[in-house]
Amino acid sequence: MDTKQRILDEALTLFSEKGYANVFVGDIAERVGIKAPSLYKHYKSKRAIFDAIIEEMNRRFEEQAKAMNINGSNAAADAKVYENMSEEHLLGLGRQFFLYFLHDDYNKRFRKMLTIEQFHDKELADLYTKLYVDDPLSYQGMLLGMVAQAGLLKTDNVEIMTLHFYAPIYYLLTICDRDPSREEQALKTLDEHIRQFNRLYGRTK
């Protein structure tokens, strides 16, 4: 791991342990084993490190989505994939995504940091909402809406249908964050949730 990557890794660990506001550039440099002036050769500020962590998270997500043969952010492209997907394939995809967000080291530590900071920093609270509420609901709402338009799901309220799909998944993720021993049961619940969602909304494949 090169120095730039070590800076991101150690900074994220510190942010997840102490919260963003309580970590200073000198703390990060010390954890990496370099002096602060050396750190500034790689990143101009703590905020630059923070932004680079988000970029790395996005890169990792794109790699994960590509490995699963989906786009992950383009709902129109993924709707076509979903339309032709069997329920068993969908269950597998759901598990892969759930386990990725639960265990990906960057996501796990970043989510912990945002959980700590959401009550102290409005900007980070808004970021938490964007990453784990607004963006997923927007993407899934567009995807499910297009699938409904294609006649594969039946609903007169796409927004509520999207909440029905996503809210239990987010709930299970936060449960496992707090209590990792509940992961096995959460995966079983996730499978049953997806199966029931398909039954409730009349998925035809």
Protein backbone atom coordinates (compact mmCIF):
# COMPACT_ATOMS: atom_id res chain seq x y z
CA MET A 1 0.00 0.00 0.00
CA ASP A 2 1.51 3.33 -1.04
CA THR A 3 1.63 6.40 1.21
CA LYS A 4 -1.43 8.10 -0.32
CA GLN A 5 -3.52 4.99 0.22
CA ARG A 6 -2.17 4.53 3.76
CA ILE A 7 -3.18 8.11 4.57
CA LEU A 8 -6.75 7.42 3.44
CA ASP A 9 -6.89 4.12 5.27
CA GLU A 10 -5.57 5.46 8.58
CA ALA A 11 -7.66 8.62 8.34
CA LEU A 12 -10.82 6.61 7.82
CA THR A 13 -9.97 4.43 10.80
CA LEU A 14 -9.45 7.49 12.98
CA PHE A 15 -12.66 9.12 11.71
CA SER A 16 -14.61 5.96 12.55
CA GLU A 17 -13.08 5.77 16.03
CA LYS A 18 -13.22 9.42 17.09
CA GLY A 19 -15.52 11.16 14.63
CA TYR A 20 -14.43 13.51 11.86
CA ALA A 21 -14.33 16.68 13.97
CA ASN A 22 -12.03 15.17 16.61
CA VAL A 23 -9.29 14.08 14.20
CA PHE A 24 -6.58 16.47 13.05
CA VAL A 25 -4.03 16.22 10.25
CA GLY A 26 -1.27 15.69 12.81
CA ASP A 27 -3.16 12.68 14.20
CA ILE A 28 -3.40 11.14 10.74
CA ALA A 29 0.27 11.77 10.00
CA GLU A 30 1.29 10.21 13.30
CA ARG A 31 -0.82 7.12 12.62
CA VAL A 32 0.76 6.76 9.17
CA GLY A 33 4.24 7.29 10.62
CA ILE A 34 5.11 10.51 8.81
CA LYS A 35 5.29 14.22 9.67
CA ALA A 36 2.41 16.57 8.90
CA PRO A 37 4.39 18.48 6.23
CA SER A 38 4.95 15.18 4.40
CA LEU A 39 1.23 14.45 4.50
CA TYR A 40 0.48 17.83 2.89
CA LYS A 41 2.54 16.74 -0.11
CA HIS A 42 -0.21 14.21 -0.81
CA TYR A 43 -3.35 16.01 0.41
CA LYS A 44 -3.80 19.73 0.98
CA SER A 45 -6.17 19.41 3.94
CA LYS A 46 -8.24 17.08 6.09
CA ARG A 47 -11.20 17.85 3.83
CA ALA A 48 -9.17 16.77 0.79
CA ILE A 49 -8.55 13.45 2.53
CA PHE A 50 -12.26 13.14 3.29
CA ASP A 51 -13.17 13.82 -0.34
CA ALA A 52 -10.62 11.26 -1.53
CA ILE A 53 -12.18 8.67 0.79
CA ILE A 54 -15.56 9.27 -0.85
CA GLU A 55 -13.97 8.91 -4.30
CA GLU A 56 -12.42 5.62 -3.22
CA MET A 57 -15.79 4.40 -1.94
CA ASN A 58 -17.38 5.27 -5.27
CA ARG A 59 -14.63 3.46 -7.15
CA ARG A 60 -15.07 0.35 -5.03
CA PHE A 61 -18.83 0.42 -5.55
CA GLU A 62 -18.43 0.71 -9.32
CA GLU A 63 -16.10 -2.30 -9.29
CA GLN A 64 -18.59 -4.30 -7.23
CA ALA A 65 -21.49 -3.41 -9.53
CA LYS A 66 -19.43 -4.33 -12.60
CA ALA A 67 -18.57 -7.70 -11.06
CA MET A 68 -22.31 -8.28 -10.60
CA ASN A 69 -23.02 -7.36 -14.23
CA ILE A 70 -25.09 -4.31 -13.39
CA ASN A 71 -24.49 -0.57 -13.54
CA GLY A 72 -25.52 0.21 -9.97
CA SER A 73 -26.29 3.87 -10.62
CA ASN A 74 -28.04 3.96 -14.02
CA ALA A 75 -31.59 2.81 -13.28
CA ALA A 76 -32.60 2.68 -16.95
CA ALA A 77 -29.77 0.28 -17.77
CA ASP A 78 -30.42 -1.90 -14.73
CA ALA A 79 -34.20 -2.04 -15.26
CA LYS A 80 -33.60 -4.13 -18.37
CA VAL A 81 -31.44 -6.51 -16.36
CA TYR A 82 -34.07 -6.75 -13.62
CA GLU A 83 -36.87 -7.41 -16.10
CA ASN A 84 -35.16 -10.60 -17.29
CA MET A 85 -33.93 -11.78 -13.90
CA SER A 86 -35.30 -14.87 -12.17
CA GLU A 87 -36.30 -14.63 -8.52
CA GLU A 88 -33.37 -16.84 -7.49
CA HIS A 89 -30.97 -14.57 -9.36
CA LEU A 90 -32.55 -11.57 -7.67
CA LEU A 91 -32.11 -13.19 -4.25
CA GLY A 92 -28.45 -13.77 -4.99
CA LEU A 93 -27.99 -10.21 -6.17
CA GLY A 94 -29.70 -8.89 -3.04
CA ARG A 95 -27.39 -10.91 -0.82
CA GLN A 96 -24.28 -9.80 -2.71
CA PHE A 97 -25.16 -6.14 -2.36
CA PHE A 98 -26.13 -6.50 1.28
CA LEU A 99 -22.90 -8.29 2.16
CA TYR A 100 -20.87 -5.78 0.18
CA PHE A 101 -22.24 -2.80 2.11
CA LEU A 102 -22.03 -4.69 5.39
CA HIS A 103 -18.44 -5.91 5.02
CA ASP A 104 -16.68 -3.58 2.59
CA ASP A 105 -14.06 -2.02 4.83
CA TYR A 106 -14.47 1.51 3.51
CA ASN A 107 -18.25 1.47 3.66
CA LYS A 108 -18.29 -0.04 7.12
CA ARG A 109 -15.92 2.51 8.66
CA PHE A 110 -17.43 5.44 6.77
CA ARG A 111 -20.93 4.51 7.92
CA LYS A 112 -19.69 4.28 11.51
CA MET A 113 -18.16 7.75 11.24
CA LEU A 114 -21.39 9.22 9.86
CA THR A 115 -23.37 7.52 12.60
CA ILE A 116 -21.17 9.23 15.19
CA GLU A 117 -21.19 12.64 13.49
CA GLN A 118 -24.83 12.89 12.39
CA PHE A 119 -25.82 14.53 15.68
CA HIS A 120 -22.92 17.00 15.69
CA ASP A 121 -22.37 18.09 12.10
CA LYS A 122 -25.25 19.11 9.82
CA GLU A 123 -23.20 18.61 6.66
CA LEU A 124 -22.29 15.06 7.62
CA ALA A 125 -25.86 14.36 8.72
CA ASP A 126 -27.01 15.46 5.27
CA LEU A 127 -24.35 13.26 3.67
CA TYR A 128 -25.57 10.28 5.69
CA THR A 129 -29.12 10.90 4.47
CA LYS A 130 -27.94 11.31 0.89
CA LEU A 131 -25.82 8.14 0.80
CA TYR A 132 -28.10 5.79 2.70
CA VAL A 133 -31.60 7.20 2.10
CA ASP A 134 -32.04 9.68 -0.75
CA ASP A 135 -29.69 8.15 -3.35
CA PRO A 136 -30.84 4.53 -2.88
CA LEU A 137 -34.51 5.55 -2.92
CA SER A 138 -34.00 7.67 -6.02
CA TYR A 139 -32.18 4.91 -7.93
CA GLN A 140 -34.52 2.13 -6.81
CA GLY A 141 -37.60 4.27 -7.35
CA MET A 142 -36.64 4.91 -10.97
CA LEU A 143 -35.72 1.26 -11.51
CA LEU A 144 -38.90 -0.14 -9.94
CA GLY A 145 -41.00 2.46 -11.70
CA MET A 146 -39.65 1.40 -15.09
CA VAL A 147 -40.18 -2.26 -14.26
CA ALA A 148 -43.77 -1.44 -13.25
CA GLN A 149 -44.27 0.43 -16.53
CA ALA A 150 -43.09 -2.70 -18.34
CA GLY A 151 -45.89 -4.61 -16.59
CA LEU A 152 -43.69 -6.82 -14.43
CA LEU A 153 -44.76 -5.20 -11.15
CA LYS A 154 -48.21 -3.94 -10.20
CA THR A 155 -48.62 -0.78 -8.12
CA ASP A 156 -50.41 2.55 -8.15
CA ASN A 157 -47.77 4.17 -5.94
CA VAL A 158 -44.14 3.66 -6.93
CA GLU A 159 -42.83 5.78 -4.05
CA ILE A 160 -44.47 3.58 -1.41
CA MET A 161 -43.46 0.41 -3.25
CA THR A 162 -39.85 1.63 -3.20
CA LEU A 163 -40.03 2.28 0.54
CA HIS A 164 -41.44 -1.21 1.03
CA PHE A 165 -38.45 -2.63 -0.79
CA TYR A 166 -35.60 -0.54 0.62
CA ALA A 167 -36.57 0.24 4.21
CA PRO A 168 -36.29 -3.36 5.51
CA ILE A 169 -32.90 -3.75 3.82
CA TYR A 170 -31.56 -0.61 5.47
CA TYR A 171 -33.03 -1.77 8.78
CA LEU A 172 -31.25 -5.13 8.52
CA LEU A 173 -27.98 -3.41 7.63
CA THR A 174 -28.08 -1.20 10.72
CA ILE A 175 -29.01 -4.15 12.92
CA CYS A 176 -25.94 -6.06 11.71
CA ASP A 177 -23.75 -2.97 12.18
CA ARG A 178 -24.69 -2.98 15.85
CA ASP A 179 -24.78 -6.75 16.32
CA PRO A 180 -22.73 -8.77 13.79
CA SER A 181 -23.96 -12.03 15.33
CA ARG A 182 -27.35 -11.42 13.69
CA GLU A 183 -25.97 -11.55 10.13
CA GLU A 184 -27.07 -15.11 9.35
CA GLN A 185 -30.63 -14.41 10.44
CA ALA A 186 -30.60 -11.09 8.58
CA LEU A 187 -29.71 -12.87 5.34
CA LYS A 188 -32.59 -15.29 5.78
CA THR A 189 -34.91 -12.38 6.49
CA LEU A 190 -33.59 -10.59 3.41
CA ASP A 191 -34.46 -13.59 1.23
CA GLU A 192 -37.97 -13.77 2.66
CA HIS A 193 -38.39 -10.02 2.25
CA ILE A 194 -37.55 -10.17 -1.45
CA ARG A 195 -39.82 -13.16 -2.01
CA GLN A 196 -42.71 -11.46 -0.24
CA PHE A 197 -42.10 -8.20 -2.10
CA ASN A 198 -42.43 -10.09 -5.37
CA ARG A 199 -45.67 -11.70 -4.20
CA LEU A 200 -47.15 -8.43 -2.94
CA TYR A 201 -46.42 -6.56 -6.14
CA GLY A 202 -47.20 -9.42 -8.48
CA ARG A 203 -43.82 -9.82 -10.10
CA THR A 204 -44.47 -11.94 -13.16
CA LYS A 205 -41.07 -13.64 -13.51
